[in-house]
PDB file of N, CA and C in Angstrom:
ATOM      1  N   MET A   1      77.579 114.715 105.398  1.00  0.00           N
ATOM      2  CA  MET A   1      78.940 114.153 105.590  1.00  0.00           C
ATOM      3  C   MET A   1      79.596 115.217 104.861  1.00  0.00           C
ATOM      4  N   LYS A   2      80.781 115.663 104.649  1.00  0.00           N
ATOM      5  CA  LYS A   2      81.693 116.823 104.744  1.00  0.00           C
ATOM      6  C   LYS A   2      81.906 116.438 103.574  1.00  0.00           C
ATOM      7  N   LYS A   3      82.204 117.228 102.993  1.00  0.00           N
ATOM      8  CA  LYS A   3      83.091 117.032 101.685  1.00  0.00           C
ATOM      9  C   LYS A   3      83.903 116.964 101.226  1.00  0.00           C
ATOM     10  N   GLN A   4      84.516 116.128 100.432  1.00  0.00           N
ATOM     11  CA  GLN A   4      85.755 115.749 100.456  1.00  0.00           C
ATOM     12  C   GLN A   4      86.265 116.662  99.662  1.00  0.00           C
ATOM     13  N   ILE A   5      87.715 117.069 100.385  1.00  0.00           N
ATOM     14  CA  ILE A   5      88.576 117.981  99.667  1.00  0.00           C
ATOM     15  C   ILE A   5      89.666 117.598  98.891  1.00  0.00           C
ATOM     16  N   SER A   6      90.030 118.235  97.291  1.00  0.00           N
ATOM     17  CA  SER A   6      90.418 117.931  96.036  1.00  0.00           C
ATOM     18  C   SER A   6      91.986 117.817  96.370  1.00  0.00           C
ATOM     19  N   LEU A   7      92.971 117.235  96.545  1.00  0.00           N
ATOM     20  CA  LEU A   7      94.343 117.845  96.702  1.00  0.00           C
ATOM     21  C   LEU A   7      94.764 116.752  95.419  1.00  0.00           C
ATOM     22  N   PRO A   8      96.174 117.682  95.117  1.00  0.00           N
ATOM     23  CA  PRO A   8      96.859 116.849  94.842  1.00  0.00           C
ATOM     24  C   PRO A   8      97.040 115.505  94.227  1.00  0.00           C
ATOM     25  N   THR A   9      97.727 114.450  93.473  1.00  0.00           N
ATOM     26  CA  THR A   9      97.589 113.209  93.227  1.00  0.00           C
ATOM     27  C   THR A   9      98.601 112.209  94.284  1.00  0.00           C
ATOM     28  N   GLN A  10      99.539 113.518  94.281  1.00  0.00           N
ATOM     29  CA  GLN A  10     100.689 112.748  95.102  1.00  0.00           C
ATOM     30  C   GLN A  10     100.621 112.902  96.799  1.00  0.00           C
ATOM     31  N   SER A  11      99.758 114.131  97.050  1.00  0.00           N
ATOM     32  CA  SER A  11      99.458 114.288  98.559  1.00  0.00           C
ATOM     33  C   SER A  11      98.330 113.347  98.516  1.00  0.00           C
ATOM     34  N   GLU A  12      97.127 113.009  97.795  1.00  0.00           N
ATOM     35  CA  GLU A  12      95.708 111.992  98.279  1.00  0.00           C
ATOM     36  C   GLU A  12      96.909 110.812  98.598  1.00  0.00           C
ATOM     37  N   ILE A  13      97.622 110.603  97.883  1.00  0.00           N
ATOM     38  CA  ILE A  13      98.640 109.017  98.287  1.00  0.00           C
ATOM     39  C   ILE A  13      99.243 109.219  99.342  1.00  0.00           C
ATOM     40  N   ALA A  14      99.787 110.453  99.675  1.00  0.00           N
ATOM     41  CA  ALA A  14     100.435 109.991 101.086  1.00  0.00           C
ATOM     42  C   ALA A  14      99.652 110.089 102.130  1.00  0.00           C
ATOM     43  N   LEU A  15      98.428 111.037 101.936  1.00  0.00           N
ATOM     44  CA  LEU A  15      97.729 111.056 103.191  1.00  0.00           C
ATOM     45  C   LEU A  15      97.025 109.945 103.130  1.00  0.00           C
ATOM     46  N   GLN A  16      96.817 108.978 102.081  1.00  0.00           N
ATOM     47  CA  GLN A  16      96.441 107.702 102.408  1.00  0.00           C
ATOM     48  C   GLN A  16      97.307 106.824 102.630  1.00  0.00           C
ATOM     49  N   ASN A  17      98.515 106.966 102.494  1.00  0.00           N
ATOM     50  CA  ASN A  17     100.161 106.043 102.999  1.00  0.00           C
ATOM     51  C   ASN A  17      99.577 106.043 104.353  1.00  0.00           C
ATOM     52  N   LEU A  18      99.702 107.464 104.955  1.00  0.00           N
ATOM     53  CA  LEU A  18      99.763 107.838 106.440  1.00  0.00           C
ATOM     54  C   LEU A  18      98.801 107.366 106.916  1.00  0.00           C
ATOM     55  N   GLY A  19      97.396 107.074 106.562  1.00  0.00           N
ATOM     56  CA  GLY A  19      96.127 106.033 107.219  1.00  0.00           C
ATOM     57  C   GLY A  19      96.376 104.556 107.114  1.00  0.00           C
ATOM     58  N   LYS A  20      97.009 104.315 106.268  1.00  0.00           N
ATOM     59  CA  LYS A  20      97.520 102.516 106.388  1.00  0.00           C
ATOM     60  C   LYS A  20      98.559 102.524 107.189  1.00  0.00           C
ATOM     61  N   LEU A  21      99.473 103.526 107.613  1.00  0.00           N
ATOM     62  CA  LEU A  21     100.216 103.379 108.620  1.00  0.00           C
ATOM     63  C   LEU A  21      99.979 103.461 109.796  1.00  0.00           C
ATOM     64  N   ILE A  22      98.965 104.247 110.204  1.00  0.00           N
ATOM     65  CA  ILE A  22      98.444 104.419 111.414  1.00  0.00           C
ATOM     66  C   ILE A  22      97.488 103.020 111.793  1.00  0.00           C
ATOM     67  N   LYS A  23      97.030 102.187 110.809  1.00  0.00           N
ATOM     68  CA  LYS A  23      96.089 101.181 111.053  1.00  0.00           C
ATOM     69  C   LYS A  23      96.938  99.887 111.184  1.00  0.00           C
ATOM     70  N   THR A  24      98.317 100.268 110.950  1.00  0.00           N
ATOM     71  CA  THR A  24      98.980  99.179 110.812  1.00  0.00           C
ATOM     72  C   THR A  24      99.940  99.139 111.953  1.00  0.00           C
ATOM     73  N   VAL A  25     100.349 100.479 112.350  1.00  0.00           N
ATOM     74  CA  VAL A  25     100.832 100.113 114.379  1.00  0.00           C
ATOM     75  C   VAL A  25      99.508  99.962 114.800  1.00  0.00           C
ATOM     76  N   ARG A  26      98.384 100.558 114.735  1.00  0.00           N
ATOM     77  CA  ARG A  26      97.833 100.168 115.345  1.00  0.00           C
ATOM     78  C   ARG A  26      97.583  98.624 115.599  1.00  0.00           C
ATOM     79  N   ILE A  27      97.397  97.927 114.853  1.00  0.00           N
ATOM     80  CA  ILE A  27      96.896  96.542 114.541  1.00  0.00           C
ATOM     81  C   ILE A  27      97.969  95.835 115.718  1.00  0.00           C
ATOM     82  N   ARG A  28      99.791  96.282 115.395  1.00  0.00           N
ATOM     83  CA  ARG A  28     100.438  95.797 115.704  1.00  0.00           C
ATOM     84  C   ARG A  28     101.099  95.888 117.252  1.00  0.00           C
ATOM     85  N   GLN A  29     100.200  97.165 117.483  1.00  0.00           N
ATOM     86  CA  GLN A  29     100.015  97.206 118.971  1.00  0.00           C
ATOM     87  C   GLN A  29      99.143  96.513 119.880  1.00  0.00           C
ATOM     88  N   GLY A  30      98.325  96.223 118.936  1.00  0.00           N
ATOM     89  CA  GLY A  30      96.974  95.120 119.438  1.00  0.00           C
ATOM     90  C   GLY A  30      96.106  96.017 120.262  1.00  0.00           C
ATOM     91  N   ILE A  31      95.969  96.954 119.334  1.00  0.00           N
ATOM     92  CA  ILE A  31      94.975  98.646 120.409  1.00  0.00           C
ATOM     93  C   ILE A  31      93.543  97.857 118.765  1.00  0.00           C
ATOM     94  N   THR A  32      92.727  97.787 119.767  1.00  0.00           N
ATOM     95  CA  THR A  32      91.419  97.347 119.433  1.00  0.00           C
ATOM     96  C   THR A  32      91.012  98.838 118.237  1.00  0.00           C
ATOM     97  N   ALA A  33      90.229  98.608 117.392  1.00  0.00           N
ATOM     98  CA  ALA A  33      89.460  99.856 116.530  1.00  0.00           C
ATOM     99  C   ALA A  33      88.554 100.655 117.874  1.00  0.00           C
ATOM    100  N   THR A  34      87.850  99.964 118.221  1.00  0.00           N
ATOM    101  CA  THR A  34      86.867 100.684 119.309  1.00  0.00           C
ATOM    102  C   THR A  34      88.230 101.429 120.388  1.00  0.00           C
ATOM    103  N   ALA A  35      88.590 100.870 120.815  1.00  0.00           N
ATOM    104  CA  ALA A  35      89.600 101.210 121.579  1.00  0.00           C
ATOM    105  C   ALA A  35      90.476 102.400 121.381  1.00  0.00           C
ATOM    106  N   MET A  36      90.895 102.121 120.029  1.00  0.00           N
ATOM    107  CA  MET A  36      91.444 103.553 119.522  1.00  0.00           C
ATOM    108  C   MET A  36      90.649 104.534 119.088  1.00  0.00           C
ATOM    109  N   ALA A  37      89.402 104.566 118.919  1.00  0.00           N
ATOM    110  CA  ALA A  37      88.612 105.625 118.830  1.00  0.00           C
ATOM    111  C   ALA A  37      88.070 106.205 120.098  1.00  0.00           C
ATOM    112  N   GLU A  38      87.885 105.353 121.191  1.00  0.00           N
ATOM    113  CA  GLU A  38      87.701 106.189 122.654  1.00  0.00           C
ATOM    114  C   GLU A  38      89.013 107.089 122.701  1.00  0.00           C
ATOM    115  N   LEU A  39      90.081 105.861 122.707  1.00  0.00           N
ATOM    116  CA  LEU A  39      91.460 106.900 123.273  1.00  0.00           C
ATOM    117  C   LEU A  39      91.558 108.153 122.464  1.00  0.00           C
ATOM    118  N   MET A  40      90.790 108.259 121.315  1.00  0.00           N
ATOM    119  CA  MET A  40      90.870 109.789 120.346  1.00  0.00           C
ATOM    120  C   MET A  40      89.701 110.263 120.459  1.00  0.00           C
ATOM    121  N   ASP A  41      89.302 109.779 121.445  1.00  0.00           N
ATOM    122  CA  ASP A  41      87.695 110.332 121.975  1.00  0.00           C
ATOM    123  C   ASP A  41      86.933 111.157 120.635  1.00  0.00           C
ATOM    124  N   THR A  42      86.212 109.865 119.784  1.00  0.00           N
ATOM    125  CA  THR A  42      86.205 110.200 118.718  1.00  0.00           C
ATOM    126  C   THR A  42      85.364 108.466 117.964  1.00  0.00           C
ATOM    127  N   THR A  43      85.134 108.969 117.194  1.00  0.00           N
ATOM    128  CA  THR A  43      83.951 107.693 116.931  1.00  0.00           C
ATOM    129  C   THR A  43      85.000 106.551 115.863  1.00  0.00           C
ATOM    130  N   ARG A  44      84.463 105.626 115.791  1.00  0.00           N
ATOM    131  CA  ARG A  44      84.997 104.511 114.891  1.00  0.00           C
ATOM    132  C   ARG A  44      84.741 104.585 113.419  1.00  0.00           C
ATOM    133  N   VAL A  45      83.175 105.279 113.215  1.00  0.00           N
ATOM    134  CA  VAL A  45      83.486 105.795 111.521  1.00  0.00           C
ATOM    135  C   VAL A  45      84.927 106.693 111.304  1.00  0.00           C
ATOM    136  N   THR A  46      84.933 107.764 111.823  1.00  0.00           N
ATOM    137  CA  THR A  46      86.085 109.010 111.679  1.00  0.00           C
ATOM    138  C   THR A  46      87.449 108.177 111.989  1.00  0.00           C
ATOM    139  N   LEU A  47      87.705 106.972 112.977  1.00  0.00           N
ATOM    140  CA  LEU A  47      88.786 106.308 112.565  1.00  0.00           C
ATOM    141  C   LEU A  47      89.078 105.735 111.283  1.00  0.00           C
ATOM    142  N   GLY A  48      88.033 104.685 111.098  1.00  0.00           N
ATOM    143  CA  GLY A  48      87.498 104.335 109.501  1.00  0.00           C
ATOM    144  C   GLY A  48      88.326 105.163 108.364  1.00  0.00           C
ATOM    145  N   SER A  49      87.654 106.915 108.716  1.00  0.00           N
ATOM    146  CA  SER A  49      88.117 107.655 107.814  1.00  0.00           C
ATOM    147  C   SER A  49      89.576 108.293 107.704  1.00  0.00           C
ATOM    148  N   VAL A  50      90.326 107.904 109.109  1.00  0.00           N
ATOM    149  CA  VAL A  50      91.596 108.584 109.365  1.00  0.00           C
ATOM    150  C   VAL A  50      92.406 107.581 108.836  1.00  0.00           C
ATOM    151  N   GLU A  51      92.420 106.157 108.831  1.00  0.00           N
ATOM    152  CA  GLU A  51      92.818 105.293 108.587  1.00  0.00           C
ATOM    153  C   GLU A  51      92.788 104.795 106.683  1.00  0.00           C
ATOM    154  N   LYS A  52      91.692 105.125 106.523  1.00  0.00           N
ATOM    155  CA  LYS A  52      91.697 105.756 105.142  1.00  0.00           C
ATOM    156  C   LYS A  52      92.563 106.627 104.293  1.00  0.00           C
ATOM    157  N   GLY A  53      92.757 107.314 104.738  1.00  0.00           N
ATOM    158  CA  GLY A  53      93.185 108.604 104.664  1.00  0.00           C
ATOM    159  C   GLY A  53      92.466 109.659 103.474  1.00  0.00           C
ATOM    160  N   VAL A  54      91.400 109.809 104.591  1.00  0.00           N
ATOM    161  CA  VAL A  54      90.420 110.771 103.860  1.00  0.00           C
ATOM    162  C   VAL A  54      91.049 111.860 103.856  1.00  0.00           C
ATOM    163  N   SER A  55      90.870 112.954 103.055  1.00  0.00           N
ATOM    164  CA  SER A  55      91.270 114.762 103.264  1.00  0.00           C
ATOM    165  C   SER A  55      90.150 115.262 103.972  1.00  0.00           C
ATOM    166  N   SER A  56      88.936 114.920 104.018  1.00  0.00           N
ATOM    167  CA  SER A  56      87.777 115.424 105.011  1.00  0.00           C
ATOM    168  C   SER A  56      87.917 115.567 106.309  1.00  0.00           C
ATOM    169  N   VAL A  57      88.679 114.401 106.773  1.00  0.00           N
ATOM    170  CA  VAL A  57      88.699 114.228 108.436  1.00  0.00           C
ATOM    171  C   VAL A  57      90.122 115.189 109.020  1.00  0.00           C
ATOM    172  N   SER A  58      89.704 116.360 109.955  1.00  0.00           N
ATOM    173  CA  SER A  58      90.705 117.180 110.627  1.00  0.00           C
ATOM    174  C   SER A  58      91.975 116.564 110.544  1.00  0.00           C
ATOM    175  N   ILE A  59      93.228 117.528 110.646  1.00  0.00           N
ATOM    176  CA  ILE A  59      94.479 117.078 110.968  1.00  0.00           C
ATOM    177  C   ILE A  59      94.656 116.734 112.296  1.00  0.00           C
ATOM    178  N   GLY A  60      93.712 117.520 113.510  1.00  0.00           N
ATOM    179  CA  GLY A  60      93.762 117.182 114.783  1.00  0.00           C
ATOM    180  C   GLY A  60      93.483 115.343 114.810  1.00  0.00           C
ATOM    181  N   ASN A  61      92.828 114.603 114.005  1.00  0.00           N
ATOM    182  CA  ASN A  61      92.481 113.651 113.950  1.00  0.00           C
ATOM    183  C   ASN A  61      93.024 112.581 113.805  1.00  0.00           C
ATOM    184  N   TYR A  62      94.303 112.833 112.680  1.00  0.00           N
ATOM    185  CA  TYR A  62      95.410 112.235 112.321  1.00  0.00           C
ATOM    186  C   TYR A  62      96.327 112.549 113.531  1.00  0.00           C
ATOM    187  N   ILE A  63      96.864 113.615 113.910  1.00  0.00           N
ATOM    188  CA  ILE A  63      98.061 114.031 115.154  1.00  0.00           C
ATOM    189  C   ILE A  63      97.264 112.972 116.171  1.00  0.00           C
ATOM    190  N   LYS A  64      96.053 113.008 116.744  1.00  0.00           N
ATOM    191  CA  LYS A  64      95.630 112.788 118.102  1.00  0.00           C
ATOM    192  C   LYS A  64      96.219 111.045 117.495  1.00  0.00           C
ATOM    193  N   ALA A  65      95.910 110.658 116.415  1.00  0.00           N
ATOM    194  CA  ALA A  65      96.074 108.998 116.330  1.00  0.00           C
ATOM    195  C   ALA A  65      97.866 108.717 116.426  1.00  0.00           C
ATOM    196  N   LEU A  66      98.217 109.550 115.626  1.00  0.00           N
ATOM    197  CA  LEU A  66     100.265 109.425 115.382  1.00  0.00           C
ATOM    198  C   LEU A  66     100.166 109.352 117.314  1.00  0.00           C
ATOM    199  N   SER A  67      99.698 110.455 117.669  1.00  0.00           N
ATOM    200  CA  SER A  67     100.595 110.649 119.143  1.00  0.00           C
ATOM    201  C   SER A  67      99.887 109.419 120.207  1.00  0.00           C
ATOM    202  N   ILE A  68      98.987 109.074 120.315  1.00  0.00           N
ATOM    203  CA  ILE A  68      98.383 107.750 120.652  1.00  0.00           C
ATOM    204  C   ILE A  68      99.013 106.675 120.344  1.00  0.00           C
ATOM    205  N   LEU A  69      99.478 106.164 118.999  1.00  0.00           N
ATOM    206  CA  LEU A  69     100.405 105.267 118.993  1.00  0.00           C
ATOM    207  C   LEU A  69     102.205 105.504 119.061  1.00  0.00           C
ATOM    208  N   GLY A  70     102.516 106.975 119.786  1.00  0.00           N
ATOM    209  CA  GLY A  70     103.736 107.312 119.962  1.00  0.00           C
ATOM    210  C   GLY A  70     104.789 107.149 118.414  1.00  0.00           C
ATOM    211  N   LEU A  71     104.063 107.775 117.451  1.00  0.00           N
ATOM    212  CA  LEU A  71     104.538 108.402 116.284  1.00  0.00           C
ATOM    213  C   LEU A  71     104.404 109.846 115.932  1.00  0.00           C
ATOM    214  N   ASP A  72     104.296 110.596 117.075  1.00  0.00           N
ATOM    215  CA  ASP A  72     104.041 112.481 116.595  1.00  0.00           C
ATOM    216  C   ASP A  72     105.289 112.738 116.488  1.00  0.00           C
ATOM    217  N   LEU A  73     106.031 112.214 117.496  1.00  0.00           N
ATOM    218  CA  LEU A  73     107.518 113.180 117.728  1.00  0.00           C
ATOM    219  C   LEU A  73     108.228 112.794 116.428  1.00  0.00           C
ATOM    220  N   LYS A  74     108.197 111.232 116.144  1.00  0.00           N
ATOM    221  CA  LYS A  74     108.926 110.871 114.880  1.00  0.00           C
ATOM    222  C   LYS A  74     108.602 111.632 113.985  1.00  0.00           C
ATOM    223  N   LEU A  75     107.497 111.916 113.853  1.00  0.00           N
ATOM    224  CA  LEU A  75     106.632 112.939 112.618  1.00  0.00           C
ATOM    225  C   LEU A  75     107.053 114.086 112.241  1.00  0.00           C
ATOM    226  N   PHE A  76     107.405 115.017 113.408  1.00  0.00           N
ATOM    227  CA  PHE A  76     107.718 116.109 113.855  1.00  0.00           C
ATOM    228  C   PHE A  76     108.993 116.345 113.631  1.00  0.00           C
ATOM    229  N   ASP A  77     109.983 115.303 113.752  1.00  0.00           N
ATOM    230  CA  ASP A  77     111.430 115.398 114.248  1.00  0.00           C
ATOM    231  C   ASP A  77     111.682 115.300 112.399  1.00  0.00           C
ATOM    232  N   VAL A  78     110.641 114.110 111.565  1.00  0.00           N
ATOM    233  CA  VAL A  78     111.186 114.693 109.920  1.00  0.00           C
ATOM    234  C   VAL A  78     110.743 115.511 109.266  1.00  0.00           C
ATOM    235  N   LEU A  79     109.561 116.588 109.626  1.00  0.00           N
ATOM    236  CA  LEU A  79     109.515 117.397 109.255  1.00  0.00           C
ATOM    237  C   LEU A  79     110.297 118.757 109.566  1.00  0.00           C
ATOM    238  N   GLU A  80     110.683 118.737 110.596  1.00  0.00           N
ATOM    239  CA  GLU A  80     111.759 119.815 111.559  1.00  0.00           C
ATOM    240  C   GLU A  80     112.740 119.779 110.199  1.00  0.00           C
ATOM    241  N   GLU A  81     113.371 118.540 110.177  1.00  0.00           N
ATOM    242  CA  GLU A  81     114.603 118.244 109.411  1.00  0.00           C
ATOM    243  C   GLU A  81     114.742 118.773 108.237  1.00  0.00           C
ATOM    244  N   LYS A  82     113.256 118.571 107.420  1.00  0.00           N
ATOM    245  CA  LYS A  82     113.340 119.318 106.451  1.00  0.00           C
ATOM    246  C   LYS A  82     113.101 120.106 106.396  1.00  0.00           C
ATOM    247  N   LEU A  83     112.338 120.950 107.399  1.00  0.00           N
ATOM    248  CA  LEU A  83     112.287 122.564 106.965  1.00  0.00           C
ATOM    249  C   LEU A  83     113.306 123.248 106.926  1.00  0.00           C
ATOM    250  N   THR A  84     113.909 122.646 108.176  1.00  0.00           N
ATOM    251  CA  THR A  84     115.554 123.537 108.575  1.00  0.00           C
ATOM    252  C   THR A  84     116.455 123.259 107.096  1.00  0.00           C
ATOM    253  N   GLY A  85     116.192 122.779 106.394  1.00  0.00           N
ATOM    254  CA  GLY A  85     117.056 122.125 104.928  1.00  0.00           C
ATOM    255  C   GLY A  85     116.673 123.095 103.910  1.00  0.00           C
ATOM    256  N   LEU A  86     115.520 124.321 104.296  1.00  0.00           N
ATOM    257  CA  LEU A  86     115.038 125.246 103.307  1.00  0.00           C
ATOM    258  C   LEU A  86     115.839 126.709 103.277  1.00  0.00           C
TER     259      LEU A  86
END
């Protein structure tokens, strides 16, 4: 098992919320956990970790899940807007 990465509390909460969002949207789109894991080319265990917001899961798995759900471009638009304002 991968070592859990220690994050600041606010970041940990944000990652958990991202996982909840991924799960909620997946369910609303009628995608089963098995189908989603197959689309991500990963296991249901890893998908479960993504949906729980586990920090040791690679960012690639989060991005892949967001992409499958059609949320990746929205995320990048928000990030780009925030970064432009810096």
